[in-house]
Amino acid sequence: MADTADQCNLNSESRYSCVTRCRRFGKSMAAKMLCAYYDMSYDSRELFRGLKAEQNKSFETYINII
């Protein structure tokens, strides 16, 4: 799996995010990754350990906030 965190802008103040890709190119996987990042029902820091997203200065601010 490729670490493409530098291509995502998770700091947007927009209420909605639109994930557009061709058929069979990981839309569901991308949506599940966003759910894992924001979901408060479990601590997902381990999933992002060592990835670019973890190095972002806003990582601790927004992880598991919803």
PDB file of N, CA and C in Angstrom:
ATOM      1  N   MET A   1       0.841  -1.170   0.000  1.00  0.00           N
ATOM      2  CA  MET A   1       0.000   0.000   0.000  1.00  0.00           C
ATOM      3  C   MET A   1       0.891   1.240   0.000  1.00  0.00           C
ATOM      4  N   ALA A   2       0.550   2.217  -0.767  1.00  0.00           N
ATOM      5  CA  ALA A   2       1.322   3.449  -0.861  1.00  0.00           C
ATOM      6  C   ALA A   2       0.872   4.450   0.192  1.00  0.00           C
ATOM      7  N   ASP A   3       1.809   5.161   0.784  1.00  0.00           N
ATOM      8  CA  ASP A   3       1.504   6.213   1.751  1.00  0.00           C
ATOM      9  C   ASP A   3       1.294   7.509   0.969  1.00  0.00           C
ATOM     10  N   THR A   4       0.045   7.906   0.802  1.00  0.00           N
ATOM     11  CA  THR A   4      -0.279   9.090   0.000  1.00  0.00           C
ATOM     12  C   THR A   4      -0.835  10.214   0.867  1.00  0.00           C
ATOM     13  N   ALA A   5      -0.437  10.272   2.121  1.00  0.00           N
ATOM     14  CA  ALA A   5      -0.946  11.287   3.041  1.00  0.00           C
ATOM     15  C   ALA A   5      -0.635  12.695   2.565  1.00  0.00           C
ATOM     16  N   ASP A   6       0.468  12.867   1.863  1.00  0.00           N
ATOM     17  CA  ASP A   6       0.825  14.206   1.389  1.00  0.00           C
ATOM     18  C   ASP A   6      -0.136  14.705   0.312  1.00  0.00           C
ATOM     19  N   GLN A   7      -0.963  13.834  -0.235  1.00  0.00           N
ATOM     20  CA  GLN A   7      -1.929  14.230  -1.253  1.00  0.00           C
ATOM     21  C   GLN A   7      -3.285  14.589  -0.657  1.00  0.00           C
ATOM     22  N   CYS A   8      -3.485  14.344   0.629  1.00  0.00           N
ATOM     23  CA  CYS A   8      -4.759  14.606   1.297  1.00  0.00           C
ATOM     24  C   CYS A   8      -4.645  15.875   2.123  1.00  0.00           C
ATOM     25  N   ASN A   9      -5.692  16.676   2.087  1.00  0.00           N
ATOM     26  CA  ASN A   9      -5.741  17.875   2.914  1.00  0.00           C
ATOM     27  C   ASN A   9      -6.764  17.643   4.013  1.00  0.00           C
ATOM     28  N   LEU A  10      -6.325  17.108   5.148  1.00  0.00           N
ATOM     29  CA  LEU A  10      -7.230  16.833   6.253  1.00  0.00           C
ATOM     30  C   LEU A  10      -7.448  18.067   7.116  1.00  0.00           C
ATOM     31  N   ASN A  11      -6.795  19.166   6.812  1.00  0.00           N
ATOM     32  CA  ASN A  11      -6.937  20.386   7.597  1.00  0.00           C
ATOM     33  C   ASN A  11      -8.039  21.286   7.076  1.00  0.00           C
ATOM     34  N   SER A  12      -8.766  20.834   6.102  1.00  0.00           N
ATOM     35  CA  SER A  12      -9.834  21.633   5.513  1.00  0.00           C
ATOM     36  C   SER A  12     -10.942  21.867   6.526  1.00  0.00           C
ATOM     37  N   GLU A  13     -11.549  23.033   6.501  1.00  0.00           N
ATOM     38  CA  GLU A  13     -12.676  23.323   7.383  1.00  0.00           C
ATOM     39  C   GLU A  13     -13.999  22.945   6.726  1.00  0.00           C
ATOM     40  N   SER A  14     -13.930  22.315   5.582  1.00  0.00           N
ATOM     41  CA  SER A  14     -15.131  21.890   4.871  1.00  0.00           C
ATOM     42  C   SER A  14     -15.830  20.780   5.649  1.00  0.00           C
ATOM     43  N   ARG A  15     -17.140  20.795   5.634  1.00  0.00           N
ATOM     44  CA  ARG A  15     -17.916  19.772   6.347  1.00  0.00           C
ATOM     45  C   ARG A  15     -17.887  18.444   5.602  1.00  0.00           C
ATOM     46  N   TYR A  16     -17.776  18.464   4.295  1.00  0.00           N
ATOM     47  CA  TYR A  16     -17.810  17.253   3.486  1.00  0.00           C
ATOM     48  C   TYR A  16     -16.519  17.100   2.688  1.00  0.00           C
ATOM     49  N   SER A  17     -16.157  15.851   2.451  1.00  0.00           N
ATOM     50  CA  SER A  17     -15.014  15.548   1.601  1.00  0.00           C
ATOM     51  C   SER A  17     -15.502  14.709   0.440  1.00  0.00           C
ATOM     52  N   CYS A  18     -15.044  15.007  -0.728  1.00  0.00           N
ATOM     53  CA  CYS A  18     -15.421  14.257  -1.923  1.00  0.00           C
ATOM     54  C   CYS A  18     -14.221  13.420  -2.358  1.00  0.00           C
ATOM     55  N   VAL A  19     -14.409  12.102  -2.397  1.00  0.00           N
ATOM     56  CA  VAL A  19     -13.346  11.195  -2.812  1.00  0.00           C
ATOM     57  C   VAL A  19     -13.705  10.689  -4.197  1.00  0.00           C
ATOM     58  N   THR A  20     -12.979  11.148  -5.206  1.00  0.00           N
ATOM     59  CA  THR A  20     -13.273  10.735  -6.578  1.00  0.00           C
ATOM     60  C   THR A  20     -12.119   9.921  -7.130  1.00  0.00           C
ATOM     61  N   ARG A  21     -12.461   8.784  -7.687  1.00  0.00           N
ATOM     62  CA  ARG A  21     -11.493   7.907  -8.341  1.00  0.00           C
ATOM     63  C   ARG A  21     -12.239   7.066  -9.358  1.00  0.00           C
ATOM     64  N   CYS A  22     -11.511   6.488 -10.268  1.00  0.00           N
ATOM     65  CA  CYS A  22     -12.110   5.584 -11.254  1.00  0.00           C
ATOM     66  C   CYS A  22     -12.622   4.332 -10.557  1.00  0.00           C
ATOM     67  N   ARG A  23     -13.429   3.570 -11.252  1.00  0.00           N
ATOM     68  CA  ARG A  23     -13.913   2.303 -10.699  1.00  0.00           C
ATOM     69  C   ARG A  23     -12.737   1.431 -10.280  1.00  0.00           C
ATOM     70  N   ARG A  24     -12.909   0.755  -9.157  1.00  0.00           N
ATOM     71  CA  ARG A  24     -11.963  -0.230  -8.650  1.00  0.00           C
ATOM     72  C   ARG A  24     -10.593   0.372  -8.285  1.00  0.00           C
ATOM     73  N   PHE A  25     -10.574   1.634  -7.885  1.00  0.00           N
ATOM     74  CA  PHE A  25      -9.308   2.276  -7.516  1.00  0.00           C
ATOM     75  C   PHE A  25      -9.295   2.760  -6.072  1.00  0.00           C
ATOM     76  N   GLY A  26      -9.963   2.044  -5.179  1.00  0.00           N
ATOM     77  CA  GLY A  26      -9.784   2.279  -3.753  1.00  0.00           C
ATOM     78  C   GLY A  26     -10.635   3.327  -3.071  1.00  0.00           C
ATOM     79  N   LYS A  27     -11.809   3.658  -3.603  1.00  0.00           N
ATOM     80  CA  LYS A  27     -12.655   4.638  -2.921  1.00  0.00           C
ATOM     81  C   LYS A  27     -13.088   4.125  -1.554  1.00  0.00           C
ATOM     82  N   SER A  28     -13.487   2.872  -1.468  1.00  0.00           N
ATOM     83  CA  SER A  28     -13.922   2.301  -0.191  1.00  0.00           C
ATOM     84  C   SER A  28     -12.765   2.258   0.806  1.00  0.00           C
ATOM     85  N   MET A  29     -11.591   1.895   0.336  1.00  0.00           N
ATOM     86  CA  MET A  29     -10.423   1.849   1.213  1.00  0.00           C
ATOM     87  C   MET A  29     -10.098   3.247   1.730  1.00  0.00           C
ATOM     88  N   ALA A  30     -10.182   4.245   0.887  1.00  0.00           N
ATOM     89  CA  ALA A  30      -9.902   5.623   1.303  1.00  0.00           C
ATOM     90  C   ALA A  30     -10.944   6.096   2.323  1.00  0.00           C
ATOM     91  N   ALA A  31     -12.201   5.753   2.101  1.00  0.00           N
ATOM     92  CA  ALA A  31     -13.256   6.136   3.040  1.00  0.00           C
ATOM     93  C   ALA A  31     -13.057   5.442   4.384  1.00  0.00           C
ATOM     94  N   LYS A  32     -12.664   4.184   4.389  1.00  0.00           N
ATOM     95  CA  LYS A  32     -12.414   3.449   5.632  1.00  0.00           C
ATOM     96  C   LYS A  32     -11.215   4.030   6.373  1.00  0.00           C
ATOM     97  N   MET A  33     -10.207   4.479   5.625  1.00  0.00           N
ATOM     98  CA  MET A  33      -9.046   5.097   6.245  1.00  0.00           C
ATOM     99  C   MET A  33      -9.446   6.396   6.943  1.00  0.00           C
ATOM    100  N   LEU A  34     -10.299   7.199   6.304  1.00  0.00           N
ATOM    101  CA  LEU A  34     -10.765   8.436   6.932  1.00  0.00           C
ATOM    102  C   LEU A  34     -11.597   8.141   8.173  1.00  0.00           C
ATOM    103  N   CYS A  35     -12.439   7.106   8.100  1.00  0.00           N
ATOM    104  CA  CYS A  35     -13.226   6.705   9.276  1.00  0.00           C
ATOM    105  C   CYS A  35     -12.307   6.288  10.416  1.00  0.00           C
ATOM    106  N   ALA A  36     -11.273   5.524  10.108  1.00  0.00           N
ATOM    107  CA  ALA A  36     -10.330   5.084  11.137  1.00  0.00           C
ATOM    108  C   ALA A  36      -9.618   6.273  11.767  1.00  0.00           C
ATOM    109  N   TYR A  37      -9.330   7.287  10.983  1.00  0.00           N
ATOM    110  CA  TYR A  37      -8.626   8.469  11.489  1.00  0.00           C
ATOM    111  C   TYR A  37      -9.498   9.258  12.465  1.00  0.00           C
ATOM    112  N   TYR A  38     -10.770   9.435  12.121  1.00  0.00           N
ATOM    113  CA  TYR A  38     -11.634  10.298  12.917  1.00  0.00           C
ATOM    114  C   TYR A  38     -12.473   9.583  13.976  1.00  0.00           C
ATOM    115  N   ASP A  39     -12.697   8.290  13.865  1.00  0.00           N
ATOM    116  CA  ASP A  39     -13.608   7.556  14.741  1.00  0.00           C
ATOM    117  C   ASP A  39     -13.117   7.495  16.189  1.00  0.00           C
ATOM    118  N   MET A  40     -13.972   7.911  17.131  1.00  0.00           N
ATOM    119  CA  MET A  40     -13.605   7.916  18.550  1.00  0.00           C
ATOM    120  C   MET A  40     -13.827   6.572  19.237  1.00  0.00           C
ATOM    121  N   SER A  41     -14.414   5.600  18.547  1.00  0.00           N
ATOM    122  CA  SER A  41     -14.744   4.343  19.215  1.00  0.00           C
ATOM    123  C   SER A  41     -13.508   3.496  19.522  1.00  0.00           C
ATOM    124  N   TYR A  42     -12.381   3.806  18.905  1.00  0.00           N
ATOM    125  CA  TYR A  42     -11.124   3.125  19.244  1.00  0.00           C
ATOM    126  C   TYR A  42      -9.943   4.019  18.884  1.00  0.00           C
ATOM    127  N   ASP A  43      -8.825   3.789  19.533  1.00  0.00           N
ATOM    128  CA  ASP A  43      -7.616   4.577  19.304  1.00  0.00           C
ATOM    129  C   ASP A  43      -6.881   4.023  18.082  1.00  0.00           C
ATOM    130  N   SER A  44      -6.811   4.789  17.018  1.00  0.00           N
ATOM    131  CA  SER A  44      -6.224   4.306  15.766  1.00  0.00           C
ATOM    132  C   SER A  44      -4.803   4.806  15.526  1.00  0.00           C
ATOM    133  N   ARG A  45      -4.135   5.308  16.538  1.00  0.00           N
ATOM    134  CA  ARG A  45      -2.766   5.800  16.359  1.00  0.00           C
ATOM    135  C   ARG A  45      -1.838   4.725  15.799  1.00  0.00           C
ATOM    136  N   GLU A  46      -2.033   3.479  16.230  1.00  0.00           N
ATOM    137  CA  GLU A  46      -1.186   2.370  15.771  1.00  0.00           C
ATOM    138  C   GLU A  46      -1.284   2.183  14.253  1.00  0.00           C
ATOM    139  N   LEU A  47      -2.468   2.404  13.687  1.00  0.00           N
ATOM    140  CA  LEU A  47      -2.649   2.247  12.234  1.00  0.00           C
ATOM    141  C   LEU A  47      -1.812   3.238  11.434  1.00  0.00           C
ATOM    142  N   PHE A  48      -1.568   4.406  12.008  1.00  0.00           N
ATOM    143  CA  PHE A  48      -0.855   5.467  11.295  1.00  0.00           C
ATOM    144  C   PHE A  48       0.607   5.597  11.714  1.00  0.00           C
ATOM    145  N   ARG A  49       1.073   4.739  12.622  1.00  0.00           N
ATOM    146  CA  ARG A  49       2.455   4.810  13.101  1.00  0.00           C
ATOM    147  C   ARG A  49       3.436   4.605  11.948  1.00  0.00           C
ATOM    148  N   GLY A  50       4.361   5.553  11.801  1.00  0.00           N
ATOM    149  CA  GLY A  50       5.390   5.470  10.773  1.00  0.00           C
ATOM    150  C   GLY A  50       4.989   6.040   9.428  1.00  0.00           C
ATOM    151  N   LEU A  51       3.752   6.482   9.296  1.00  0.00           N
ATOM    152  CA  LEU A  51       3.288   7.046   8.018  1.00  0.00           C
ATOM    153  C   LEU A  51       3.393   8.569   8.033  1.00  0.00           C
ATOM    154  N   LYS A  52       3.314   9.181   6.865  1.00  0.00           N
ATOM    155  CA  LYS A  52       3.427  10.637   6.754  1.00  0.00           C
ATOM    156  C   LYS A  52       2.340  11.359   7.533  1.00  0.00           C
ATOM    157  N   ALA A  53       1.148  10.768   7.602  1.00  0.00           N
ATOM    158  CA  ALA A  53       0.037  11.403   8.326  1.00  0.00           C
ATOM    159  C   ALA A  53       0.403  11.625   9.790  1.00  0.00           C
ATOM    160  N   GLU A  54       1.127  10.673  10.379  1.00  0.00           N
ATOM    161  CA  GLU A  54       1.516  10.791  11.785  1.00  0.00           C
ATOM    162  C   GLU A  54       2.500  11.937  12.001  1.00  0.00           C
ATOM    163  N   GLN A  55       3.263  12.281  11.003  1.00  0.00           N
ATOM    164  CA  GLN A  55       4.270  13.335  11.114  1.00  0.00           C
ATOM    165  C   GLN A  55       3.687  14.733  10.941  1.00  0.00           C
ATOM    166  N   ASN A  56       2.445  14.809  10.456  1.00  0.00           N
ATOM    167  CA  ASN A  56       1.788  16.099  10.250  1.00  0.00           C
ATOM    168  C   ASN A  56       1.540  16.773  11.597  1.00  0.00           C
ATOM    169  N   LYS A  57       1.762  18.076  11.666  1.00  0.00           N
ATOM    170  CA  LYS A  57       1.633  18.789  12.943  1.00  0.00           C
ATOM    171  C   LYS A  57       0.211  18.763  13.497  1.00  0.00           C
ATOM    172  N   SER A  58      -0.792  18.517  12.662  1.00  0.00           N
ATOM    173  CA  SER A  58      -2.177  18.486  13.143  1.00  0.00           C
ATOM    174  C   SER A  58      -2.659  17.073  13.463  1.00  0.00           C
ATOM    175  N   PHE A  59      -1.786  16.074  13.353  1.00  0.00           N
ATOM    176  CA  PHE A  59      -2.181  14.685  13.571  1.00  0.00           C
ATOM    177  C   PHE A  59      -2.827  14.480  14.937  1.00  0.00           C
ATOM    178  N   GLU A  60      -2.169  14.901  15.993  1.00  0.00           N
ATOM    179  CA  GLU A  60      -2.694  14.714  17.355  1.00  0.00           C
ATOM    180  C   GLU A  60      -3.942  15.554  17.608  1.00  0.00           C
ATOM    181  N   THR A  61      -4.081  16.667  16.898  1.00  0.00           N
ATOM    182  CA  THR A  61      -5.247  17.528  17.092  1.00  0.00           C
ATOM    183  C   THR A  61      -6.519  16.877  16.589  1.00  0.00           C
ATOM    184  N   TYR A  62      -6.455  16.196  15.447  1.00  0.00           N
ATOM    185  CA  TYR A  62      -7.666  15.698  14.795  1.00  0.00           C
ATOM    186  C   TYR A  62      -7.906  14.203  14.899  1.00  0.00           C
ATOM    187  N   ILE A  63      -6.930  13.422  15.315  1.00  0.00           N
ATOM    188  CA  ILE A  63      -7.144  11.969  15.338  1.00  0.00           C
ATOM    189  C   ILE A  63      -8.198  11.614  16.388  1.00  0.00           C
ATOM    190  N   ASN A  64      -9.135  10.781  15.977  1.00  0.00           N
ATOM    191  CA  ASN A  64     -10.210  10.263  16.837  1.00  0.00           C
ATOM    192  C   ASN A  64     -11.033  11.372  17.502  1.00  0.00           C
ATOM    193  N   ILE A  65     -11.478  12.351  16.714  1.00  0.00           N
ATOM    194  CA  ILE A  65     -12.260  13.459  17.294  1.00  0.00           C
ATOM    195  C   ILE A  65     -13.767  13.357  17.055  1.00  0.00           C
ATOM    196  N   ILE A  66     -14.192  12.460  16.189  1.00  0.00           N
ATOM    197  CA  ILE A  66     -15.628  12.388  15.867  1.00  0.00           C
ATOM    198  C   ILE A  66     -16.237  11.157  16.492  1.00  0.00           C
TER     199      ILE A  66
END
